[in-house]
C-alpha atoms as a PDB file:
ATOM      1  CA  MET A   1       0.000   0.000   0.000  1.00  0.00           C
ATOM      2  CA  SER A   2       1.599   3.283  -1.067  1.00  0.00           C
ATOM      3  CA  LYS A   3       1.648   6.288   1.193  1.00  0.00           C
ATOM      4  CA  ALA A   4      -0.248   9.326  -0.070  1.00  0.00           C
ATOM      5  CA  ALA A   5       1.907  12.233  -1.191  1.00  0.00           C
ATOM      6  CA  PRO A   6       2.012  15.048   1.368  1.00  0.00           C
ATOM      7  CA  THR A   7      -0.398  17.918   0.813  1.00  0.00           C
ATOM      8  CA  GLU A   8       0.829  21.434   0.152  1.00  0.00           C
ATOM      9  CA  THR A   9       0.119  22.358   3.782  1.00  0.00           C
ATOM     10  CA  GLU A  10       1.985  19.300   5.062  1.00  0.00           C
ATOM     11  CA  ARG A  11       4.967  20.207   2.863  1.00  0.00           C
ATOM     12  CA  CYS A  12       4.933  23.768   4.262  1.00  0.00           C
ATOM     13  CA  ILE A  13       4.988  22.436   7.830  1.00  0.00           C
ATOM     14  CA  GLU A  14       7.813  20.027   6.956  1.00  0.00           C
ATOM     15  CA  SER A  15       9.756  22.943   5.437  1.00  0.00           C
ATOM     16  CA  LEU A  16       9.331  25.078   8.564  1.00  0.00           C
ATOM     17  CA  LEU A  17      10.507  22.188  10.738  1.00  0.00           C
ATOM     18  CA  ALA A  18      13.502  21.574   8.471  1.00  0.00           C
ATOM     19  CA  VAL A  19      14.550  25.237   8.424  1.00  0.00           C
ATOM     20  CA  PHE A  20      14.221  25.514  12.210  1.00  0.00           C
ATOM     21  CA  GLN A  21      16.290  22.339  12.684  1.00  0.00           C
ATOM     22  CA  ARG A  22      18.962  23.564  10.247  1.00  0.00           C
ATOM     23  CA  TYR A  23      19.575  26.736  12.261  1.00  0.00           C
ATOM     24  CA  ALA A  24      18.896  25.331  15.760  1.00  0.00           C
ATOM     25  CA  GLY A  25      21.384  22.538  15.170  1.00  0.00           C
ATOM     26  CA  ARG A  26      24.361  24.826  14.609  1.00  0.00           C
ATOM     27  CA  GLU A  27      25.399  25.226  18.239  1.00  0.00           C
ATOM     28  CA  GLY A  28      24.304  23.985  21.647  1.00  0.00           C
ATOM     29  CA  ASP A  29      20.696  22.830  22.001  1.00  0.00           C
ATOM     30  CA  SER A  30      19.238  21.553  18.736  1.00  0.00           C
ATOM     31  CA  CYS A  31      15.691  22.270  19.994  1.00  0.00           C
ATOM     32  CA  THR A  32      16.172  26.027  20.340  1.00  0.00           C
ATOM     33  CA  LEU A  33      17.617  28.961  18.424  1.00  0.00           C
ATOM     34  CA  SER A  34      20.333  30.845  20.273  1.00  0.00           C
ATOM     35  CA  LYS A  35      20.666  34.550  19.595  1.00  0.00           C
ATOM     36  CA  ARG A  36      23.424  33.852  17.044  1.00  0.00           C
ATOM     37  CA  GLU A  37      21.350  31.165  15.342  1.00  0.00           C
ATOM     38  CA  PHE A  38      18.338  33.517  15.249  1.00  0.00           C
ATOM     39  CA  LEU A  39      20.462  36.277  13.676  1.00  0.00           C
ATOM     40  CA  ALA A  40      21.823  33.794  11.103  1.00  0.00           C
ATOM     41  CA  PHE A  41      18.268  32.684  10.313  1.00  0.00           C
ATOM     42  CA  MET A  42      17.010  36.263   9.920  1.00  0.00           C
ATOM     43  CA  ASN A  43      19.991  37.413   7.845  1.00  0.00           C
ATOM     44  CA  THR A  44      19.742  34.407   5.502  1.00  0.00           C
ATOM     45  CA  GLU A  45      16.104  33.358   5.338  1.00  0.00           C
ATOM     46  CA  LEU A  46      14.537  36.801   5.791  1.00  0.00           C
ATOM     47  CA  ALA A  47      17.326  38.912   4.316  1.00  0.00           C
ATOM     48  CA  SER A  48      14.923  41.229   2.478  1.00  0.00           C
ATOM     49  CA  PHE A  49      13.421  42.170   5.863  1.00  0.00           C
ATOM     50  CA  THR A  50      16.718  42.666   7.697  1.00  0.00           C
ATOM     51  CA  LYS A  51      18.304  44.557   4.784  1.00  0.00           C
ATOM     52  CA  ASN A  52      15.624  47.258   4.983  1.00  0.00           C
ATOM     53  CA  GLN A  53      15.996  47.839   8.724  1.00  0.00           C
ATOM     54  CA  LYS A  54      17.654  51.137   9.589  1.00  0.00           C
ATOM     55  CA  ASP A  55      17.941  50.301  13.301  1.00  0.00           C
ATOM     56  CA  PRO A  56      20.584  47.627  13.987  1.00  0.00           C
ATOM     57  CA  ALA A  57      18.940  46.811  17.352  1.00  0.00           C
ATOM     58  CA  VAL A  58      15.651  45.760  15.746  1.00  0.00           C
ATOM     59  CA  LEU A  59      16.631  42.067  15.660  1.00  0.00           C
ATOM     60  CA  ASP A  60      17.612  42.159  19.342  1.00  0.00           C
ATOM     61  CA  ARG A  61      14.221  43.634  20.206  1.00  0.00           C
ATOM     62  CA  MET A  62      12.455  41.066  18.028  1.00  0.00           C
ATOM     63  CA  MET A  63      14.262  38.223  19.772  1.00  0.00           C
ATOM     64  CA  LYS A  64      13.382  39.617  23.223  1.00  0.00           C
ATOM     65  CA  LYS A  65       9.729  39.990  22.247  1.00  0.00           C
ATOM     66  CA  LEU A  66       9.551  36.476  20.756  1.00  0.00           C
ATOM     67  CA  ASP A  67      11.330  34.889  23.744  1.00  0.00           C
ATOM     68  CA  LEU A  68       8.165  34.470  25.818  1.00  0.00           C
ATOM     69  CA  ASN A  69       9.816  32.502  28.643  1.00  0.00           C
ATOM     70  CA  SER A  70      12.849  34.854  28.732  1.00  0.00           C
ATOM     71  CA  ASP A  71      15.423  32.050  28.551  1.00  0.00           C
ATOM     72  CA  GLY A  72      17.527  33.789  25.891  1.00  0.00           C
ATOM     73  CA  LYS A  73      16.584  31.217  23.236  1.00  0.00           C
ATOM     74  CA  LEU A  74      13.674  30.583  20.878  1.00  0.00           C
ATOM     75  CA  ASP A  75      11.970  27.207  20.970  1.00  0.00           C
ATOM     76  CA  PHE A  76       9.841  26.015  18.065  1.00  0.00           C
ATOM     77  CA  PRO A  77       6.526  27.513  19.341  1.00  0.00           C
ATOM     78  CA  GLU A  78       8.266  30.886  19.862  1.00  0.00           C
ATOM     79  CA  PHE A  79       9.760  30.602  16.355  1.00  0.00           C
ATOM     80  CA  LEU A  80       6.284  29.924  14.972  1.00  0.00           C
ATOM     81  CA  ASN A  81       5.086  33.208  16.506  1.00  0.00           C
ATOM     82  CA  LEU A  82       7.625  34.970  14.270  1.00  0.00           C
ATOM     83  CA  ILE A  83       6.517  33.039  11.182  1.00  0.00           C
ATOM     84  CA  GLY A  84       2.854  33.627  12.025  1.00  0.00           C
ATOM     85  CA  GLY A  85       3.408  37.339  12.545  1.00  0.00           C
ATOM     86  CA  ILE A  86       5.172  37.663   9.209  1.00  0.00           C
ATOM     87  CA  ALA A  87       2.427  35.655   7.489  1.00  0.00           C
ATOM     88  CA  VAL A  88      -0.247  37.939   8.987  1.00  0.00           C
ATOM     89  CA  ALA A  89       1.667  41.045   7.851  1.00  0.00           C
ATOM     90  CA  CYS A  90       1.965  39.614   4.327  1.00  0.00           C
ATOM     91  CA  HIS A  91      -1.716  38.696   4.318  1.00  0.00           C
ATOM     92  CA  GLU A  92      -2.670  42.221   5.359  1.00  0.00           C
ATOM     93  CA  ALA A  93      -0.403  43.798   2.759  1.00  0.00           C
ATOM     94  CA  LEU A  94      -1.547  41.527  -0.092  1.00  0.00           C
ATOM     95  CA  VAL A  95      -5.177  40.788   0.700  1.00  0.00           C
ATOM     96  CA  VAL A  96      -6.654  43.170   3.220  1.00  0.00           C
ATOM     97  CA  GLN A  97      -5.173  46.338   1.707  1.00  0.00           C
ATOM     98  CA  ALA A  98      -5.556  45.236  -1.901  1.00  0.00           C
ATOM     99  CA  PRO A  99      -8.025  47.368  -3.852  1.00  0.00           C
ATOM    100  CA  PRO A 100     -11.325  45.619  -4.566  1.00  0.00           C
ATOM    101  CA  ARG A 101     -11.564  44.104  -8.041  1.00  0.00           C
END
């Protein structure tokens, strides 16, 4: 019996897990992003966002805000808050503010 191919949504979730693991596994705990791993993630995976930031401290503030348990690291649920926030911002920019057809 062959396994059904993953759906588009399942592939998106697998991709998020894979990206998180790739950066979290660079140093120390492979279940969390250290500050350095978070900066590497942002500067590589979201470079268009970080490039346009005038304030160099913006990533530090983002990390502090995302780090809900204040342990200096981002676990996967905290990481998903970042992804969710970006997705909401994109949705608002593309859908909510789009002129009616």
